[in-house]
Protein backbone atom coordinates (compact mmCIF):
# COMPACT_ATOMS: atom_id res chain seq x y z
CA MET A 1 117.42 19.03 102.27
CA ASP A 2 120.71 17.57 101.17
CA HIS A 3 122.86 15.64 103.62
CA SER A 4 125.80 18.09 103.63
CA ARG A 5 123.55 21.03 104.56
CA GLN A 6 121.90 18.96 107.28
CA LYS A 7 125.34 18.10 108.75
CA ILE A 8 126.22 21.81 108.94
CA LEU A 9 122.93 22.68 110.64
CA ILE A 10 123.40 19.90 113.20
CA LYS A 11 126.71 21.50 114.22
CA PHE A 12 124.81 24.70 115.02
CA GLY A 13 122.38 22.79 117.23
CA PHE A 14 119.50 22.07 114.85
CA LYS A 15 117.80 18.73 115.33
CA PHE A 16 116.37 16.41 112.71
CA GLY A 17 114.01 13.49 113.26
CA LYS A 18 110.38 12.64 113.77
CA SER A 19 110.10 11.72 117.44
CA GLY A 20 111.33 12.71 120.84
CA ALA A 21 110.74 15.72 123.04
CA HIS A 22 109.48 17.84 120.17
CA SER A 23 106.50 15.56 119.61
CA ARG A 24 105.26 16.53 123.09
CA ARG A 25 105.10 20.19 122.06
CA THR A 26 106.48 21.45 125.35
CA MET A 27 109.29 23.96 125.80
CA MET A 28 109.94 23.10 129.47
CA LEU A 29 110.40 26.75 130.45
CA ALA A 30 109.63 26.09 134.10
CA GLU A 31 112.44 23.55 134.23
CA LEU A 32 114.92 25.95 132.61
CA GLN A 33 113.93 28.62 135.12
CA LEU A 34 114.88 26.25 137.94
CA LEU A 35 118.03 24.83 136.35
CA PHE A 36 119.81 27.80 134.78
CA PRO A 37 120.04 30.02 137.91
CA ILE A 38 121.99 27.32 139.78
CA THR A 39 124.36 26.58 136.89
CA SER A 40 126.81 28.64 134.85
CA LEU A 41 128.08 29.02 131.31
CA SER A 42 130.80 26.48 132.07
CA THR A 43 128.39 23.80 133.29
CA SER A 44 128.86 20.52 131.42
CA LEU A 45 126.13 18.12 130.32
CA GLU A 46 127.17 15.79 133.14
CA GLN A 47 126.86 18.61 135.68
CA TYR A 48 123.40 19.54 134.38
CA ALA A 49 122.41 15.89 134.72
CA ASN A 50 123.78 15.80 138.26
CA GLU A 51 121.77 18.89 139.27
CA VAL A 52 118.57 17.43 137.84
CA ILE A 53 118.92 13.76 138.77
CA GLU A 54 121.01 13.72 141.95
CA HIS A 55 120.24 17.12 143.50
CA ASN A 56 116.62 17.20 142.29
CA CYS A 57 116.67 20.89 141.34
CA LEU A 58 113.44 20.39 139.35
CA ASN A 59 111.62 19.11 142.45
CA LYS A 60 110.53 15.80 140.92
CA PRO A 61 109.22 13.05 143.23
CA THR A 62 111.50 10.14 142.20
CA LYS A 63 114.84 9.54 140.55
CA ASN A 64 113.16 7.88 137.57
CA VAL A 65 110.95 10.93 137.02
CA ARG A 66 114.04 13.15 137.25
CA LYS A 67 115.78 11.07 134.56
CA TYR A 68 112.63 11.20 132.44
CA ALA A 69 112.53 15.01 132.80
CA PHE A 70 116.19 15.51 131.91
CA ARG A 71 116.13 13.58 128.64
CA PRO A 72 113.69 15.91 126.82
CA LEU A 73 115.54 18.98 128.10
CA VAL A 74 118.66 17.74 126.34
CA GLU A 75 116.67 16.82 123.22
CA LEU A 76 115.07 20.27 123.09
CA TYR A 77 118.04 22.49 123.90
CA GLY A 78 121.20 20.49 123.29
CA PHE A 79 122.81 21.47 126.62
CA ASP A 80 126.22 21.74 125.03
CA MET A 81 128.09 25.00 124.48
CA LYS A 82 129.48 23.59 121.21
CA PHE A 83 126.03 24.27 119.71
CA PRO A 84 125.79 27.97 118.84
CA LEU A 85 122.02 27.98 119.38
CA PHE A 86 122.38 26.70 122.95
CA ARG A 87 125.39 28.94 123.60
CA VAL A 88 123.42 32.06 122.63
CA LEU A 89 120.43 30.99 124.71
CA ARG A 90 122.61 30.31 127.76
CA GLN A 91 124.60 33.54 127.49
CA LEU A 92 121.52 35.70 127.01
CA TRP A 93 119.67 33.93 129.80
CA ASP A 94 122.37 34.93 132.28
CA THR A 95 122.58 38.56 131.14
CA ASP A 96 118.89 39.26 130.57
CA GLN A 97 116.88 40.66 133.47
CA ILE A 98 113.50 40.76 131.71
CA ASN A 99 111.73 37.40 131.73
CA TRP A 100 109.72 37.93 128.56
CA HIS A 101 112.97 38.12 126.61
CA LYS A 102 113.87 34.71 127.93
CA THR A 103 110.56 33.34 126.75
CA ILE A 104 111.05 34.79 123.26
CA ILE A 105 114.56 33.38 123.06
CA ASN A 106 113.25 29.98 124.12
CA VAL A 107 110.43 30.08 121.60
CA HIS A 108 112.86 30.98 118.84
CA LEU A 109 115.29 28.22 119.73
CA TRP A 110 112.53 25.68 120.18
CA PHE A 111 110.96 26.46 116.79
CA LYS A 112 114.33 26.41 115.04
CA ARG A 113 114.91 22.89 116.34
CA ILE A 114 111.36 21.62 115.78
CA ALA A 115 111.11 23.07 112.26
CA ASN A 116 113.71 20.61 111.08
CA GLU A 117 111.88 17.68 112.59
CA ASN A 118 108.74 17.92 110.45
């Protein structure tokens, strides 16, 4: 893939590389199910970090484990409304009442990001 196309895809929220959260092959759905209901569309990356690390919304035993859990969430999903992929996920998550739709949306987003890593 040429560099200019890759730059455009990155703006949409696609991720390129060979290591990181994607190598673990986890989507962290349980963590999203705990984090998204207590945040909103206007939540910033710093506020997400505060909920996870300082307020322990993911119920992790230590602060170091909370930091370790937050990093792959950001790597997987972007956690920034400037990325259209994350923006769509976040907006649909809040409006959707059927959990299996959330899982499908997550799978789609996760595979879109991981496909560019391999």
